[in-house]
Amino acid sequence: AVTLALTAASTWAEPLSEAKIREITGGVD
């Protein structure tokens, strides 16, 4: 799940929303 969260975001091109940033950074441990 962590790997998916950290790699799936790389396909997003729209501006980074607060929700998206939380989703991405929340997986860093």
PDB file of all heavy atoms in Angstrom:
ATOM      1  N   ALA A   1       0.823  -1.212   0.000  1.00  0.00           N
ATOM      2  CA  ALA A   1       0.000   0.000   0.000  1.00  0.00           C
ATOM      3  C   ALA A   1       0.853   1.257   0.000  1.00  0.00           C
ATOM      4  O   ALA A   1       0.561   2.230  -0.689  1.00  0.00           O
ATOM      5  CB  ALA A   1      -0.928  -0.012   1.215  1.00  0.00           C
ATOM      6  N   VAL A   2       1.934   1.214   0.802  1.00  0.00           N
ATOM      7  CA  VAL A   2       2.848   2.358   0.837  1.00  0.00           C
ATOM      8  C   VAL A   2       3.484   2.569  -0.524  1.00  0.00           C
ATOM      9  O   VAL A   2       3.550   3.682  -1.055  1.00  0.00           O
ATOM     10  CB  VAL A   2       3.937   2.132   1.916  1.00  0.00           C
ATOM     11  CG1 VAL A   2       5.051   3.153   1.748  1.00  0.00           C
ATOM     12  CG2 VAL A   2       3.334   2.234   3.301  1.00  0.00           C
ATOM     13  N   THR A   3       3.947   1.470  -1.136  1.00  0.00           N
ATOM     14  CA  THR A   3       4.584   1.564  -2.446  1.00  0.00           C
ATOM     15  C   THR A   3       3.615   2.125  -3.469  1.00  0.00           C
ATOM     16  O   THR A   3       3.955   2.983  -4.287  1.00  0.00           O
ATOM     17  CB  THR A   3       5.089   0.179  -2.887  1.00  0.00           C
ATOM     18  OG1 THR A   3       5.994  -0.315  -1.914  1.00  0.00           O
ATOM     19  CG2 THR A   3       5.797   0.271  -4.237  1.00  0.00           C
ATOM     20  N   LEU A   4       2.352   1.647  -3.412  1.00  0.00           N
ATOM     21  CA  LEU A   4       1.339   2.132  -4.342  1.00  0.00           C
ATOM     22  C   LEU A   4       1.097   3.622  -4.157  1.00  0.00           C
ATOM     23  O   LEU A   4       1.026   4.391  -5.118  1.00  0.00           O
ATOM     24  CB  LEU A   4       0.042   1.352  -4.148  1.00  0.00           C
ATOM     25  CG  LEU A   4      -1.132   1.741  -5.079  1.00  0.00           C
ATOM     26  CD1 LEU A   4      -0.747   1.459  -6.529  1.00  0.00           C
ATOM     27  CD2 LEU A   4      -2.375   0.959  -4.689  1.00  0.00           C
ATOM     28  N   ALA A   5       1.011   4.043  -2.885  1.00  0.00           N
ATOM     29  CA  ALA A   5       0.752   5.466  -2.607  1.00  0.00           C
ATOM     30  C   ALA A   5       1.880   6.344  -3.100  1.00  0.00           C
ATOM     31  O   ALA A   5       1.667   7.445  -3.590  1.00  0.00           O
ATOM     32  CB  ALA A   5       0.539   5.665  -1.109  1.00  0.00           C
ATOM     33  N   LEU A   6       3.122   5.831  -2.976  1.00  0.00           N
ATOM     34  CA  LEU A   6       4.275   6.644  -3.350  1.00  0.00           C
ATOM     35  C   LEU A   6       4.532   6.652  -4.848  1.00  0.00           C
ATOM     36  O   LEU A   6       5.228   7.516  -5.349  1.00  0.00           O
ATOM     37  CB  LEU A   6       5.527   6.148  -2.621  1.00  0.00           C
ATOM     38  CG  LEU A   6       5.523   6.315  -1.102  1.00  0.00           C
ATOM     39  CD1 LEU A   6       6.825   5.777  -0.515  1.00  0.00           C
ATOM     40  CD2 LEU A   6       5.328   7.757  -0.707  1.00  0.00           C
ATOM     41  N   THR A   7       4.010   5.666  -5.571  1.00  0.00           N
ATOM     42  CA  THR A   7       4.255   5.604  -7.002  1.00  0.00           C
ATOM     43  C   THR A   7       3.067   6.078  -7.821  1.00  0.00           C
ATOM     44  O   THR A   7       3.226   6.695  -8.864  1.00  0.00           O
ATOM     45  CB  THR A   7       4.625   4.170  -7.424  1.00  0.00           C
ATOM     46  OG1 THR A   7       3.583   3.280  -7.004  1.00  0.00           O
ATOM     47  CG2 THR A   7       5.934   3.742  -6.784  1.00  0.00           C
ATOM     48  N   ALA A   8       1.874   5.828  -7.309  1.00  0.00           N
ATOM     49  CA  ALA A   8       0.689   6.236  -8.059  1.00  0.00           C
ATOM     50  C   ALA A   8       0.638   7.742  -8.234  1.00  0.00           C
ATOM     51  O   ALA A   8       0.200   8.249  -9.261  1.00  0.00           O
ATOM     52  CB  ALA A   8      -0.570   5.747  -7.352  1.00  0.00           C
ATOM     53  N   ALA A   9       1.129   8.458  -7.218  1.00  0.00           N
ATOM     54  CA  ALA A   9       1.070   9.919  -7.282  1.00  0.00           C
ATOM     55  C   ALA A   9       1.887  10.472  -8.430  1.00  0.00           C
ATOM     56  O   ALA A   9       1.652  11.577  -8.895  1.00  0.00           O
ATOM     57  CB  ALA A   9       1.546  10.523  -5.960  1.00  0.00           C
ATOM     58  N   SER A  10       2.903   9.706  -8.894  1.00  0.00           N
ATOM     59  CA  SER A  10       3.763  10.215  -9.956  1.00  0.00           C
ATOM     60  C   SER A  10       3.019  10.376 -11.277  1.00  0.00           C
ATOM     61  O   SER A  10       3.522  10.998 -12.196  1.00  0.00           O
ATOM     62  CB  SER A  10       4.964   9.275 -10.142  1.00  0.00           C
ATOM     63  OG  SER A  10       4.526   8.009 -10.581  1.00  0.00           O
ATOM     64  N   THR A  11       1.821   9.813 -11.389  1.00  0.00           N
ATOM     65  CA  THR A  11       1.043   9.973 -12.608  1.00  0.00           C
ATOM     66  C   THR A  11       0.113  11.179 -12.538  1.00  0.00           C
ATOM     67  O   THR A  11      -0.555  11.503 -13.501  1.00  0.00           O
ATOM     68  CB  THR A  11       0.203   8.701 -12.869  1.00  0.00           C
ATOM     69  OG1 THR A  11      -0.741   8.539 -11.813  1.00  0.00           O
ATOM     70  CG2 THR A  11       1.101   7.470 -12.934  1.00  0.00           C
ATOM     71  N   TRP A  12       0.049  11.829 -11.392  1.00  0.00           N
ATOM     72  CA  TRP A  12      -0.839  12.974 -11.221  1.00  0.00           C
ATOM     73  C   TRP A  12      -0.138  14.232 -11.721  1.00  0.00           C
ATOM     74  O   TRP A  12       0.955  14.565 -11.296  1.00  0.00           O
ATOM     75  CB  TRP A  12      -1.200  13.149  -9.745  1.00  0.00           C
ATOM     76  CG  TRP A  12      -2.150  12.102  -9.240  1.00  0.00           C
ATOM     77  CD1 TRP A  12      -1.965  10.754  -9.242  1.00  0.00           C
ATOM     78  CD2 TRP A  12      -3.429  12.328  -8.650  1.00  0.00           C
ATOM     79  NE1 TRP A  12      -3.037  10.123  -8.705  1.00  0.00           N
ATOM     80  CE2 TRP A  12      -3.972  11.068  -8.313  1.00  0.00           C
ATOM     81  CE3 TRP A  12      -4.176  13.469  -8.363  1.00  0.00           C
ATOM     82  CZ2 TRP A  12      -5.198  10.902  -7.721  1.00  0.00           C
ATOM     83  CZ3 TRP A  12      -5.405  13.313  -7.764  1.00  0.00           C
ATOM     84  CH2 TRP A  12      -5.916  12.040  -7.457  1.00  0.00           C
ATOM     85  N   ALA A  13      -0.769  14.944 -12.602  1.00  0.00           N
ATOM     86  CA  ALA A  13      -0.153  16.145 -13.155  1.00  0.00           C
ATOM     87  C   ALA A  13      -0.810  17.422 -12.662  1.00  0.00           C
ATOM     88  O   ALA A  13      -0.276  18.494 -12.838  1.00  0.00           O
ATOM     89  CB  ALA A  13      -0.204  16.093 -14.684  1.00  0.00           C
ATOM     90  N   GLU A  14      -2.018  17.313 -12.060  1.00  0.00           N
ATOM     91  CA  GLU A  14      -2.705  18.524 -11.625  1.00  0.00           C
ATOM     92  C   GLU A  14      -2.021  19.108 -10.387  1.00  0.00           C
ATOM     93  O   GLU A  14      -1.222  18.444  -9.745  1.00  0.00           O
ATOM     94  CB  GLU A  14      -4.180  18.233 -11.316  1.00  0.00           C
ATOM     95  CG  GLU A  14      -4.408  17.364 -10.098  1.00  0.00           C
ATOM     96  CD  GLU A  14      -4.532  15.896 -10.433  1.00  0.00           C
ATOM     97  OE1 GLU A  14      -4.053  15.487 -11.506  1.00  0.00           O
ATOM     98  OE2 GLU A  14      -5.104  15.164  -9.612  1.00  0.00           O
ATOM     99  N   PRO A  15      -2.330  20.358 -10.053  1.00  0.00           N
ATOM    100  CA  PRO A  15      -1.727  20.979  -8.869  1.00  0.00           C
ATOM    101  C   PRO A  15      -1.952  20.125  -7.623  1.00  0.00           C
ATOM    102  O   PRO A  15      -2.991  19.492  -7.457  1.00  0.00           O
ATOM    103  CB  PRO A  15      -2.458  22.318  -8.765  1.00  0.00           C
ATOM    104  CG  PRO A  15      -2.874  22.614 -10.166  1.00  0.00           C
ATOM    105  CD  PRO A  15      -3.206  21.284 -10.782  1.00  0.00           C
ATOM    106  N   LEU A  16      -0.956  20.147  -6.758  1.00  0.00           N
ATOM    107  CA  LEU A  16      -1.010  19.303  -5.562  1.00  0.00           C
ATOM    108  C   LEU A  16      -1.974  19.910  -4.542  1.00  0.00           C
ATOM    109  O   LEU A  16      -1.744  21.008  -4.043  1.00  0.00           O
ATOM    110  CB  LEU A  16       0.387  19.170  -4.964  1.00  0.00           C
ATOM    111  CG  LEU A  16       1.366  18.321  -5.774  1.00  0.00           C
ATOM    112  CD1 LEU A  16       2.805  18.620  -5.372  1.00  0.00           C
ATOM    113  CD2 LEU A  16       1.070  16.839  -5.590  1.00  0.00           C
ATOM    114  N   SER A  17      -3.035  19.191  -4.234  1.00  0.00           N
ATOM    115  CA  SER A  17      -3.970  19.634  -3.210  1.00  0.00           C
ATOM    116  C   SER A  17      -3.458  19.225  -1.839  1.00  0.00           C
ATOM    117  O   SER A  17      -2.582  18.355  -1.718  1.00  0.00           O
ATOM    118  CB  SER A  17      -5.345  19.007  -3.445  1.00  0.00           C
ATOM    119  OG  SER A  17      -5.282  17.599  -3.265  1.00  0.00           O
ATOM    120  N   GLU A  18      -4.013  19.839  -0.800  1.00  0.00           N
ATOM    121  CA  GLU A  18      -3.619  19.446   0.554  1.00  0.00           C
ATOM    122  C   GLU A  18      -3.923  17.978   0.792  1.00  0.00           C
ATOM    123  O   GLU A  18      -3.129  17.259   1.415  1.00  0.00           O
ATOM    124  CB  GLU A  18      -4.354  20.318   1.577  1.00  0.00           C
ATOM    125  CG  GLU A  18      -3.886  21.759   1.597  1.00  0.00           C
ATOM    126  CD  GLU A  18      -4.583  22.582   2.661  1.00  0.00           C
ATOM    127  OE1 GLU A  18      -5.254  21.974   3.540  1.00  0.00           O
ATOM    128  OE2 GLU A  18      -4.464  23.817   2.635  1.00  0.00           O
ATOM    129  N   ALA A  19      -5.028  17.512   0.296  1.00  0.00           N
ATOM    130  CA  ALA A  19      -5.384  16.110   0.488  1.00  0.00           C
ATOM    131  C   ALA A  19      -4.389  15.191  -0.190  1.00  0.00           C
ATOM    132  O   ALA A  19      -3.996  14.153   0.371  1.00  0.00           O
ATOM    133  CB  ALA A  19      -6.794  15.861  -0.053  1.00  0.00           C
ATOM    134  N   LYS A  20      -3.955  15.578  -1.397  1.00  0.00           N
ATOM    135  CA  LYS A  20      -3.005  14.726  -2.119  1.00  0.00           C
ATOM    136  C   LYS A  20      -1.648  14.723  -1.413  1.00  0.00           C
ATOM    137  O   LYS A  20      -0.984  13.687  -1.320  1.00  0.00           O
ATOM    138  CB  LYS A  20      -2.861  15.216  -3.562  1.00  0.00           C
ATOM    139  CG  LYS A  20      -2.218  14.184  -4.476  1.00  0.00           C
ATOM    140  CD  LYS A  20      -3.104  12.960  -4.548  1.00  0.00           C
ATOM    141  CE  LYS A  20      -2.382  11.797  -5.217  1.00  0.00           C
ATOM    142  NZ  LYS A  20      -3.208  10.567  -5.168  1.00  0.00           N
ATOM    143  N   ILE A  21      -1.220  15.892  -0.931  1.00  0.00           N
ATOM    144  CA  ILE A  21       0.056  15.960  -0.221  1.00  0.00           C
ATOM    145  C   ILE A  21       0.000  15.086   1.034  1.00  0.00           C
ATOM    146  O   ILE A  21       0.949  14.359   1.344  1.00  0.00           O
ATOM    147  CB  ILE A  21       0.402  17.420   0.138  1.00  0.00           C
ATOM    148  CG1 ILE A  21       0.648  18.224  -1.138  1.00  0.00           C
ATOM    149  CG2 ILE A  21       1.633  17.473   1.043  1.00  0.00           C
ATOM    150  CD1 ILE A  21       0.826  19.709  -0.907  1.00  0.00           C
ATOM    151  N   ARG A  22      -1.119  15.137   1.750  1.00  0.00           N
ATOM    152  CA  ARG A  22      -1.247  14.303   2.956  1.00  0.00           C
ATOM    153  C   ARG A  22      -1.215  12.819   2.599  1.00  0.00           C
ATOM    154  O   ARG A  22      -0.629  12.011   3.313  1.00  0.00           O
ATOM    155  CB  ARG A  22      -2.535  14.648   3.695  1.00  0.00           C
ATOM    156  CG  ARG A  22      -2.491  15.984   4.407  1.00  0.00           C
ATOM    157  CD  ARG A  22      -3.595  16.133   5.448  1.00  0.00           C
ATOM    158  NE  ARG A  22      -3.438  17.412   6.137  1.00  0.00           N
ATOM    159  CZ  ARG A  22      -4.064  18.525   5.782  1.00  0.00           C
ATOM    160  NH1 ARG A  22      -4.897  18.513   4.757  1.00  0.00           N
ATOM    161  NH2 ARG A  22      -3.865  19.651   6.439  1.00  0.00           N
ATOM    162  N   GLU A  23      -1.855  12.478   1.484  1.00  0.00           N
ATOM    163  CA  GLU A  23      -1.852  11.079   1.055  1.00  0.00           C
ATOM    164  C   GLU A  23      -0.435  10.606   0.746  1.00  0.00           C
ATOM    165  O   GLU A  23      -0.025   9.520   1.153  1.00  0.00           O
ATOM    166  CB  GLU A  23      -2.740  10.920  -0.178  1.00  0.00           C
ATOM    167  CG  GLU A  23      -2.753   9.501  -0.738  1.00  0.00           C
ATOM    168  CD  GLU A  23      -3.512   9.416  -2.055  1.00  0.00           C
ATOM    169  OE1 GLU A  23      -4.320  10.325  -2.347  1.00  0.00           O
ATOM    170  OE2 GLU A  23      -3.290   8.444  -2.789  1.00  0.00           O
ATOM    171  N   ILE A  24       0.310  11.441   0.037  1.00  0.00           N
ATOM    172  CA  ILE A  24       1.667  11.059  -0.363  1.00  0.00           C
ATOM    173  C   ILE A  24       2.603  11.013   0.840  1.00  0.00           C
ATOM    174  O   ILE A  24       3.295  10.023   1.082  1.00  0.00           O
ATOM    175  CB  ILE A  24       2.209  12.046  -1.416  1.00  0.00           C
ATOM    176  CG1 ILE A  24       1.416  11.911  -2.720  1.00  0.00           C
ATOM    177  CG2 ILE A  24       3.698  11.798  -1.671  1.00  0.00           C
ATOM    178  CD1 ILE A  24       1.713  13.002  -3.737  1.00  0.00           C
ATOM    179  N   THR A  25       2.637  12.099   1.610  1.00  0.00           N
ATOM    180  CA  THR A  25       3.599  12.174   2.715  1.00  0.00           C
ATOM    181  C   THR A  25       3.197  11.287   3.885  1.00  0.00           C
ATOM    182  O   THR A  25       4.047  10.880   4.679  1.00  0.00           O
ATOM    183  CB  THR A  25       3.747  13.622   3.202  1.00  0.00           C
ATOM    184  OG1 THR A  25       2.480  14.109   3.662  1.00  0.00           O
ATOM    185  CG2 THR A  25       4.262  14.508   2.084  1.00  0.00           C
ATOM    186  N   GLY A  26       1.921  10.979   3.992  1.00  0.00           N
ATOM    187  CA  GLY A  26       1.473  10.107   5.074  1.00  0.00           C
ATOM    188  C   GLY A  26       2.036   8.708   4.990  1.00  0.00           C
ATOM    189  O   GLY A  26       2.062   7.974   5.983  1.00  0.00           O
ATOM    190  N   GLY A  27       2.495   8.306   3.803  1.00  0.00           N
ATOM    191  CA  GLY A  27       3.069   6.976   3.647  1.00  0.00           C
ATOM    192  C   GLY A  27       4.550   6.884   3.928  1.00  0.00           C
ATOM    193  O   GLY A  27       5.139   5.800   3.799  1.00  0.00           O
ATOM    194  N   VAL A  28       5.179   8.007   4.307  1.00  0.00           N
ATOM    195  CA  VAL A  28       6.620   7.998   4.562  1.00  0.00           C
ATOM    196  C   VAL A  28       6.880   7.608   6.009  1.00  0.00           C
ATOM    197  O   VAL A  28       6.512   8.321   6.944  1.00  0.00           O
ATOM    198  CB  VAL A  28       7.252   9.369   4.262  1.00  0.00           C
ATOM    199  CG1 VAL A  28       8.742   9.351   4.596  1.00  0.00           C
ATOM    200  CG2 VAL A  28       7.037   9.745   2.805  1.00  0.00           C
ATOM    201  N   ASP A  29       7.480   6.446   6.204  1.00  0.00           N
ATOM    202  CA  ASP A  29       7.836   5.964   7.530  1.00  0.00           C
ATOM    203  C   ASP A  29       9.061   5.069   7.397  1.00  0.00           C
ATOM    204  O   ASP A  29       9.714   5.048   6.335  1.00  0.00           O
ATOM    205  CB  ASP A  29       6.661   5.240   8.195  1.00  0.00           C
ATOM    206  CG  ASP A  29       6.182   4.023   7.397  1.00  0.00           C
ATOM    207  OD1 ASP A  29       6.826   3.653   6.389  1.00  0.00           O
ATOM    208  OD2 ASP A  29       5.156   3.431   7.778  1.00  0.00           O
TER     209      ASP A  29
END
